[in-house]
Amino acid sequence: RERYIRDKLKILEEDGHPKEVLTKFYL
């Protein structure tokens, strides 16, 4: 969680269209 997840969760705080942000998060 500390080493691999933190940066991935930050993706969900980015601005942009939800589909683009969500796709980036999942991928």
PDB file of all heavy atoms in Angstrom:
ATOM      1  N   ARG A   1       0.828  -1.207   0.000  1.00  0.00           N
ATOM      2  CA  ARG A   1       0.000   0.000   0.000  1.00  0.00           C
ATOM      3  C   ARG A   1       0.864   1.260   0.000  1.00  0.00           C
ATOM      4  O   ARG A   1       0.599   2.202  -0.739  1.00  0.00           O
ATOM      5  CB  ARG A   1      -0.939  -0.013   1.198  1.00  0.00           C
ATOM      6  CG  ARG A   1      -1.987   1.055   1.144  1.00  0.00           C
ATOM      7  CD  ARG A   1      -3.032   0.840   2.198  1.00  0.00           C
ATOM      8  NE  ARG A   1      -4.110   1.806   2.031  1.00  0.00           N
ATOM      9  CZ  ARG A   1      -5.274   1.686   2.599  1.00  0.00           C
ATOM     10  NH1 ARG A   1      -5.546   0.660   3.361  1.00  0.00           N
ATOM     11  NH2 ARG A   1      -6.195   2.603   2.405  1.00  0.00           N
ATOM     12  N   GLU A   2       1.897   1.266   0.831  1.00  0.00           N
ATOM     13  CA  GLU A   2       2.770   2.436   0.926  1.00  0.00           C
ATOM     14  C   GLU A   2       3.634   2.621  -0.315  1.00  0.00           C
ATOM     15  O   GLU A   2       3.824   3.729  -0.792  1.00  0.00           O
ATOM     16  CB  GLU A   2       3.686   2.319   2.152  1.00  0.00           C
ATOM     17  CG  GLU A   2       2.945   2.437   3.459  1.00  0.00           C
ATOM     18  CD  GLU A   2       3.804   2.071   4.672  1.00  0.00           C
ATOM     19  OE1 GLU A   2       4.986   1.675   4.494  1.00  0.00           O
ATOM     20  OE2 GLU A   2       3.277   2.156   5.797  1.00  0.00           O
ATOM     21  N   ARG A   3       4.145   1.532  -0.840  1.00  0.00           N
ATOM     22  CA  ARG A   3       5.127   1.619  -1.910  1.00  0.00           C
ATOM     23  C   ARG A   3       4.514   1.654  -3.310  1.00  0.00           C
ATOM     24  O   ARG A   3       5.059   2.292  -4.212  1.00  0.00           O
ATOM     25  CB  ARG A   3       6.088   0.434  -1.808  1.00  0.00           C
ATOM     26  CG  ARG A   3       7.301   0.569  -2.686  1.00  0.00           C
ATOM     27  CD  ARG A   3       8.333  -0.454  -2.357  1.00  0.00           C
ATOM     28  NE  ARG A   3       9.070  -0.027  -1.170  1.00  0.00           N
ATOM     29  CZ  ARG A   3      10.068  -0.704  -0.642  1.00  0.00           C
ATOM     30  NH1 ARG A   3      10.432  -1.843  -1.178  1.00  0.00           N
ATOM     31  NH2 ARG A   3      10.696  -0.260   0.425  1.00  0.00           N
ATOM     32  N   TYR A   4       3.399   0.956  -3.513  1.00  0.00           N
ATOM     33  CA  TYR A   4       2.871   0.800  -4.873  1.00  0.00           C
ATOM     34  C   TYR A   4       1.506   1.439  -5.099  1.00  0.00           C
ATOM     35  O   TYR A   4       1.108   1.626  -6.238  1.00  0.00           O
ATOM     36  CB  TYR A   4       2.797  -0.695  -5.237  1.00  0.00           C
ATOM     37  CG  TYR A   4       4.148  -1.351  -5.254  1.00  0.00           C
ATOM     38  CD1 TYR A   4       4.558  -2.148  -4.199  1.00  0.00           C
ATOM     39  CD2 TYR A   4       5.018  -1.147  -6.311  1.00  0.00           C
ATOM     40  CE1 TYR A   4       5.818  -2.740  -4.203  1.00  0.00           C
ATOM     41  CE2 TYR A   4       6.277  -1.731  -6.315  1.00  0.00           C
ATOM     42  CZ  TYR A   4       6.667  -2.527  -5.263  1.00  0.00           C
ATOM     43  OH  TYR A   4       7.910  -3.101  -5.270  1.00  0.00           O
ATOM     44  N   ILE A   5       0.776   1.734  -4.050  1.00  0.00           N
ATOM     45  CA  ILE A   5      -0.592   2.222  -4.218  1.00  0.00           C
ATOM     46  C   ILE A   5      -0.701   3.734  -4.123  1.00  0.00           C
ATOM     47  O   ILE A   5      -1.523   4.348  -4.783  1.00  0.00           O
ATOM     48  CB  ILE A   5      -1.524   1.554  -3.174  1.00  0.00           C
ATOM     49  CG1 ILE A   5      -1.554   0.056  -3.380  1.00  0.00           C
ATOM     50  CG2 ILE A   5      -2.925   2.134  -3.243  1.00  0.00           C
ATOM     51  CD1 ILE A   5      -2.056  -0.383  -4.725  1.00  0.00           C
ATOM     52  N   ARG A   6       0.098   4.345  -3.308  1.00  0.00           N
ATOM     53  CA  ARG A   6      -0.031   5.786  -3.041  1.00  0.00           C
ATOM     54  C   ARG A   6      -0.125   6.611  -4.327  1.00  0.00           C
ATOM     55  O   ARG A   6      -1.036   7.418  -4.495  1.00  0.00           O
ATOM     56  CB  ARG A   6       1.139   6.249  -2.177  1.00  0.00           C
ATOM     57  CG  ARG A   6       0.983   7.668  -1.706  1.00  0.00           C
ATOM     58  CD  ARG A   6       2.019   8.057  -0.687  1.00  0.00           C
ATOM     59  NE  ARG A   6       1.815   7.246   0.504  1.00  0.00           N
ATOM     60  CZ  ARG A   6       2.799   6.820   1.285  1.00  0.00           C
ATOM     61  NH1 ARG A   6       4.030   7.120   1.011  1.00  0.00           N
ATOM     62  NH2 ARG A   6       2.547   6.095   2.349  1.00  0.00           N
ATOM     63  N   ASP A   7       0.805   6.415  -5.264  1.00  0.00           N
ATOM     64  CA  ASP A   7       0.794   7.198  -6.507  1.00  0.00           C
ATOM     65  C   ASP A   7      -0.408   6.861  -7.385  1.00  0.00           C
ATOM     66  O   ASP A   7      -0.940   7.722  -8.080  1.00  0.00           O
ATOM     67  CB  ASP A   7       2.083   6.989  -7.294  1.00  0.00           C
ATOM     68  CG  ASP A   7       3.278   7.661  -6.623  1.00  0.00           C
ATOM     69  OD1 ASP A   7       3.064   8.570  -5.796  1.00  0.00           O
ATOM     70  OD2 ASP A   7       4.419   7.274  -6.922  1.00  0.00           O
ATOM     71  N   LYS A   8      -0.838   5.615  -7.337  1.00  0.00           N
ATOM     72  CA  LYS A   8      -2.006   5.220  -8.137  1.00  0.00           C
ATOM     73  C   LYS A   8      -3.264   5.920  -7.631  1.00  0.00           C
ATOM     74  O   LYS A   8      -4.099   6.366  -8.419  1.00  0.00           O
ATOM     75  CB  LYS A   8      -2.180   3.704  -8.103  1.00  0.00           C
ATOM     76  CG  LYS A   8      -1.095   2.945  -8.841  1.00  0.00           C
ATOM     77  CD  LYS A   8      -1.243   1.464  -8.618  1.00  0.00           C
ATOM     78  CE  LYS A   8      -0.276   0.584  -9.326  1.00  0.00           C
ATOM     79  NZ  LYS A   8       0.938   1.077  -9.853  1.00  0.00           N
ATOM     80  N   LEU A   9      -3.405   6.030  -6.318  1.00  0.00           N
ATOM     81  CA  LEU A   9      -4.583   6.703  -5.763  1.00  0.00           C
ATOM     82  C   LEU A   9      -4.586   8.188  -6.098  1.00  0.00           C
ATOM     83  O   LEU A   9      -5.654   8.788  -6.263  1.00  0.00           O
ATOM     84  CB  LEU A   9      -4.657   6.487  -4.250  1.00  0.00           C
ATOM     85  CG  LEU A   9      -4.906   5.048  -3.791  1.00  0.00           C
ATOM     86  CD1 LEU A   9      -4.925   4.977  -2.273  1.00  0.00           C
ATOM     87  CD2 LEU A   9      -6.180   4.471  -4.371  1.00  0.00           C
ATOM     88  N   LYS A  10      -3.416   8.776  -6.228  1.00  0.00           N
ATOM     89  CA  LYS A  10      -3.328  10.201  -6.594  1.00  0.00           C
ATOM     90  C   LYS A  10      -3.921  10.459  -7.979  1.00  0.00           C
ATOM     91  O   LYS A  10      -4.366  11.567  -8.267  1.00  0.00           O
ATOM     92  CB  LYS A  10      -1.882  10.682  -6.532  1.00  0.00           C
ATOM     93  CG  LYS A  10      -1.381  10.839  -5.119  1.00  0.00           C
ATOM     94  CD  LYS A  10       0.051  11.332  -5.102  1.00  0.00           C
ATOM     95  CE  LYS A  10       0.550  11.405  -3.667  1.00  0.00           C
ATOM     96  NZ  LYS A  10       1.953  11.793  -3.599  1.00  0.00           N
ATOM     97  N   ILE A  11      -3.924   9.456  -8.829  1.00  0.00           N
ATOM     98  CA  ILE A  11      -4.512   9.606 -10.162  1.00  0.00           C
ATOM     99  C   ILE A  11      -5.974  10.020 -10.032  1.00  0.00           C
ATOM    100  O   ILE A  11      -6.467  10.848 -10.800  1.00  0.00           O
ATOM    101  CB  ILE A  11      -4.385   8.290 -10.977  1.00  0.00           C
ATOM    102  CG1 ILE A  11      -2.922   7.998 -11.294  1.00  0.00           C
ATOM    103  CG2 ILE A  11      -5.232   8.355 -12.256  1.00  0.00           C
ATOM    104  CD1 ILE A  11      -2.669   6.614 -11.880  1.00  0.00           C
ATOM    105  N   LEU A  12      -6.671   9.469  -9.044  1.00  0.00           N
ATOM    106  CA  LEU A  12      -8.095   9.766  -8.868  1.00  0.00           C
ATOM    107  C   LEU A  12      -8.340  11.203  -8.411  1.00  0.00           C
ATOM    108  O   LEU A  12      -9.473  11.666  -8.427  1.00  0.00           O
ATOM    109  CB  LEU A  12      -8.727   8.785  -7.880  1.00  0.00           C
ATOM    110  CG  LEU A  12      -8.761   7.336  -8.358  1.00  0.00           C
ATOM    111  CD1 LEU A  12      -9.288   6.422  -7.258  1.00  0.00           C
ATOM    112  CD2 LEU A  12      -9.609   7.198  -9.625  1.00  0.00           C
ATOM    113  N   GLU A  13      -7.292  11.917  -8.030  1.00  0.00           N
ATOM    114  CA  GLU A  13      -7.422  13.316  -7.622  1.00  0.00           C
ATOM    115  C   GLU A  13      -7.130  14.274  -8.776  1.00  0.00           C
ATOM    116  O   GLU A  13      -7.263  15.492  -8.625  1.00  0.00           O
ATOM    117  CB  GLU A  13      -6.477  13.594  -6.444  1.00  0.00           C
ATOM    118  CG  GLU A  13      -6.842  12.773  -5.214  1.00  0.00           C
ATOM    119  CD  GLU A  13      -5.821  12.891  -4.085  1.00  0.00           C
ATOM    120  OE1 GLU A  13      -4.734  13.483  -4.304  1.00  0.00           O
ATOM    121  OE2 GLU A  13      -6.119  12.376  -3.000  1.00  0.00           O
ATOM    122  N   GLU A  14      -6.740  13.730  -9.927  1.00  0.00           N
ATOM    123  CA  GLU A  14      -6.414  14.565 -11.078  1.00  0.00           C
ATOM    124  C   GLU A  14      -7.672  15.168 -11.689  1.00  0.00           C
ATOM    125  O   GLU A  14      -8.772  14.632 -11.551  1.00  0.00           O
ATOM    126  CB  GLU A  14      -5.680  13.740 -12.141  1.00  0.00           C
ATOM    127  CG  GLU A  14      -4.320  13.259 -11.702  1.00  0.00           C
ATOM    128  CD  GLU A  14      -3.630  12.392 -12.740  1.00  0.00           C
ATOM    129  OE1 GLU A  14      -4.177  12.188 -13.847  1.00  0.00           O
ATOM    130  OE2 GLU A  14      -2.527  11.899 -12.426  1.00  0.00           O
ATOM    131  N   ASP A  15      -7.483  16.283 -12.367  1.00  0.00           N
ATOM    132  CA  ASP A  15      -8.584  16.892 -13.112  1.00  0.00           C
ATOM    133  C   ASP A  15      -8.693  16.210 -14.467  1.00  0.00           C
ATOM    134  O   ASP A  15      -7.733  15.646 -14.964  1.00  0.00           O
ATOM    135  CB  ASP A  15      -8.334  18.396 -13.305  1.00  0.00           C
ATOM    136  CG  ASP A  15      -8.429  19.158 -11.993  1.00  0.00           C
ATOM    137  OD1 ASP A  15      -9.254  18.765 -11.143  1.00  0.00           O
ATOM    138  OD2 ASP A  15      -7.684  20.138 -11.820  1.00  0.00           O
ATOM    139  N   GLY A  16      -9.860  16.279 -15.037  1.00  0.00           N
ATOM    140  CA  GLY A  16     -10.079  15.682 -16.339  1.00  0.00           C
ATOM    141  C   GLY A  16     -11.421  14.992 -16.384  1.00  0.00           C
ATOM    142  O   GLY A  16     -12.130  14.891 -15.374  1.00  0.00           O
ATOM    143  N   HIS A  17     -11.769  14.530 -17.559  1.00  0.00           N
ATOM    144  CA  HIS A  17     -13.031  13.817 -17.718  1.00  0.00           C
ATOM    145  C   HIS A  17     -12.963  12.520 -16.914  1.00  0.00           C
ATOM    146  O   HIS A  17     -11.929  11.828 -16.935  1.00  0.00           O
ATOM    147  CB  HIS A  17     -13.291  13.510 -19.191  1.00  0.00           C
ATOM    148  CG  HIS A  17     -14.678  13.029 -19.438  1.00  0.00           C
ATOM    149  ND1 HIS A  17     -15.061  11.739 -19.178  1.00  0.00           N
ATOM    150  CD2 HIS A  17     -15.775  13.689 -19.877  1.00  0.00           C
ATOM    151  CE1 HIS A  17     -16.340  11.601 -19.456  1.00  0.00           C
ATOM    152  NE2 HIS A  17     -16.794  12.776 -19.880  1.00  0.00           N
ATOM    153  N   PRO A  18     -14.030  12.174 -16.204  1.00  0.00           N
ATOM    154  CA  PRO A  18     -14.002  10.958 -15.382  1.00  0.00           C
ATOM    155  C   PRO A  18     -13.539   9.712 -16.135  1.00  0.00           C
ATOM    156  O   PRO A  18     -12.758   8.927 -15.590  1.00  0.00           O
ATOM    157  CB  PRO A  18     -15.448  10.818 -14.901  1.00  0.00           C
ATOM    158  CG  PRO A  18     -15.958  12.206 -14.865  1.00  0.00           C
ATOM    159  CD  PRO A  18     -15.298  12.898 -16.035  1.00  0.00           C
ATOM    160  N   LYS A  19     -13.980   9.536 -17.380  1.00  0.00           N
ATOM    161  CA  LYS A  19     -13.579   8.325 -18.101  1.00  0.00           C
ATOM    162  C   LYS A  19     -12.072   8.270 -18.306  1.00  0.00           C
ATOM    163  O   LYS A  19     -11.455   7.223 -18.130  1.00  0.00           O
ATOM    164  CB  LYS A  19     -14.285   8.205 -19.445  1.00  0.00           C
ATOM    165  CG  LYS A  19     -13.861   6.905 -20.142  1.00  0.00           C
ATOM    166  CD  LYS A  19     -14.573   6.595 -21.399  1.00  0.00           C
ATOM    167  CE  LYS A  19     -14.069   5.235 -21.899  1.00  0.00           C
ATOM    168  NZ  LYS A  19     -14.586   4.863 -23.147  1.00  0.00           N
ATOM    169  N   GLU A  20     -11.473   9.402 -18.641  1.00  0.00           N
ATOM    170  CA  GLU A  20     -10.029   9.440 -18.864  1.00  0.00           C
ATOM    171  C   GLU A  20      -9.265   9.173 -17.568  1.00  0.00           C
ATOM    172  O   GLU A  20      -8.301   8.401 -17.550  1.00  0.00           O
ATOM    173  CB  GLU A  20      -9.625  10.797 -19.446  1.00  0.00           C
ATOM    174  CG  GLU A  20     -10.168  11.022 -20.847  1.00  0.00           C
ATOM    175  CD  GLU A  20     -10.038  12.471 -21.289  1.00  0.00           C
ATOM    176  OE1 GLU A  20      -9.424  13.284 -20.575  1.00  0.00           O
ATOM    177  OE2 GLU A  20     -10.576  12.784 -22.367  1.00  0.00           O
ATOM    178  N   VAL A  21      -9.699   9.793 -16.476  1.00  0.00           N
ATOM    179  CA  VAL A  21      -9.032   9.606 -15.188  1.00  0.00           C
ATOM    180  C   VAL A  21      -9.198   8.161 -14.717  1.00  0.00           C
ATOM    181  O   VAL A  21      -8.240   7.525 -14.265  1.00  0.00           O
ATOM    182  CB  VAL A  21      -9.578  10.597 -14.138  1.00  0.00           C
ATOM    183  CG1 VAL A  21      -8.995  10.316 -12.760  1.00  0.00           C
ATOM    184  CG2 VAL A  21      -9.292  12.038 -14.561  1.00  0.00           C
ATOM    185  N   LEU A  22     -10.403   7.635 -14.842  1.00  0.00           N
ATOM    186  CA  LEU A  22     -10.670   6.261 -14.418  1.00  0.00           C
ATOM    187  C   LEU A  22      -9.863   5.251 -15.233  1.00  0.00           C
ATOM    188  O   LEU A  22      -9.292   4.307 -14.683  1.00  0.00           O
ATOM    189  CB  LEU A  22     -12.167   5.950 -14.530  1.00  0.00           C
ATOM    190  CG  LEU A  22     -13.057   6.677 -13.532  1.00  0.00           C
ATOM    191  CD1 LEU A  22     -14.512   6.561 -13.934  1.00  0.00           C
ATOM    192  CD2 LEU A  22     -12.829   6.141 -12.126  1.00  0.00           C
ATOM    193  N   THR A  23      -9.818   5.454 -16.523  1.00  0.00           N
ATOM    194  CA  THR A  23      -9.058   4.548 -17.388  1.00  0.00           C
ATOM    195  C   THR A  23      -7.583   4.559 -16.995  1.00  0.00           C
ATOM    196  O   THR A  23      -6.959   3.498 -16.866  1.00  0.00           O
ATOM    197  CB  THR A  23      -9.238   4.926 -18.870  1.00  0.00           C
ATOM    198  OG1 THR A  23     -10.625   4.855 -19.195  1.00  0.00           O
ATOM    199  CG2 THR A  23      -8.450   4.010 -19.782  1.00  0.00           C
ATOM    200  N   LYS A  24      -7.047   5.727 -16.761  1.00  0.00           N
ATOM    201  CA  LYS A  24      -5.648   5.854 -16.351  1.00  0.00           C
ATOM    202  C   LYS A  24      -5.419   5.127 -15.018  1.00  0.00           C
ATOM    203  O   LYS A  24      -4.415   4.431 -14.848  1.00  0.00           O
ATOM    204  CB  LYS A  24      -5.275   7.333 -16.228  1.00  0.00           C
ATOM    205  CG  LYS A  24      -3.837   7.581 -15.853  1.00  0.00           C
ATOM    206  CD  LYS A  24      -3.543   9.084 -15.825  1.00  0.00           C
ATOM    207  CE  LYS A  24      -2.116   9.350 -15.393  1.00  0.00           C
ATOM    208  NZ  LYS A  24      -1.858  10.809 -15.311  1.00  0.00           N
ATOM    209  N   PHE A  25      -6.359   5.278 -14.086  1.00  0.00           N
ATOM    210  CA  PHE A  25      -6.254   4.617 -12.780  1.00  0.00           C
ATOM    211  C   PHE A  25      -6.249   3.099 -12.930  1.00  0.00           C
ATOM    212  O   PHE A  25      -5.347   2.418 -12.430  1.00  0.00           O
ATOM    213  CB  PHE A  25      -7.404   5.070 -11.878  1.00  0.00           C
ATOM    214  CG  PHE A  25      -7.500   4.316 -10.581  1.00  0.00           C
ATOM    215  CD1 PHE A  25      -6.540   4.483  -9.596  1.00  0.00           C
ATOM    216  CD2 PHE A  25      -8.552   3.460 -10.336  1.00  0.00           C
ATOM    217  CE1 PHE A  25      -6.623   3.794  -8.387  1.00  0.00           C
ATOM    218  CE2 PHE A  25      -8.653   2.765  -9.134  1.00  0.00           C
ATOM    219  CZ  PHE A  25      -7.683   2.939  -8.161  1.00  0.00           C
ATOM    220  N   TYR A  26      -7.238   2.545 -13.618  1.00  0.00           N
ATOM    221  CA  TYR A  26      -7.313   1.092 -13.787  1.00  0.00           C
ATOM    222  C   TYR A  26      -6.068   0.556 -14.500  1.00  0.00           C
ATOM    223  O   TYR A  26      -5.489  -0.447 -14.090  1.00  0.00           O
ATOM    224  CB  TYR A  26      -8.559   0.695 -14.583  1.00  0.00           C
ATOM    225  CG  TYR A  26      -9.852   0.845 -13.830  1.00  0.00           C
ATOM    226  CD1 TYR A  26     -10.725   1.893 -14.108  1.00  0.00           C
ATOM    227  CD2 TYR A  26     -10.224  -0.062 -12.850  1.00  0.00           C
ATOM    228  CE1 TYR A  26     -11.922   2.027 -13.421  1.00  0.00           C
ATOM    229  CE2 TYR A  26     -11.425   0.062 -12.161  1.00  0.00           C
ATOM    230  CZ  TYR A  26     -12.275   1.112 -12.451  1.00  0.00           C
ATOM    231  OH  TYR A  26     -13.442   1.245 -11.768  1.00  0.00           O
ATOM    232  N   LEU A  27      -5.669   1.221 -15.571  1.00  0.00           N
ATOM    233  CA  LEU A  27      -4.522   0.743 -16.343  1.00  0.00           C
ATOM    234  C   LEU A  27      -3.213   0.832 -15.568  1.00  0.00           C
ATOM    235  O   LEU A  27      -2.285   0.076 -15.849  1.00  0.00           O
ATOM    236  CB  LEU A  27      -4.411   1.500 -17.665  1.00  0.00           C
ATOM    237  CG  LEU A  27      -5.496   1.196 -18.695  1.00  0.00           C
ATOM    238  CD1 LEU A  27      -5.306   2.060 -19.943  1.00  0.00           C
ATOM    239  CD2 LEU A  27      -5.528  -0.285 -19.060  1.00  0.00           C
TER     240      LEU A  27
END
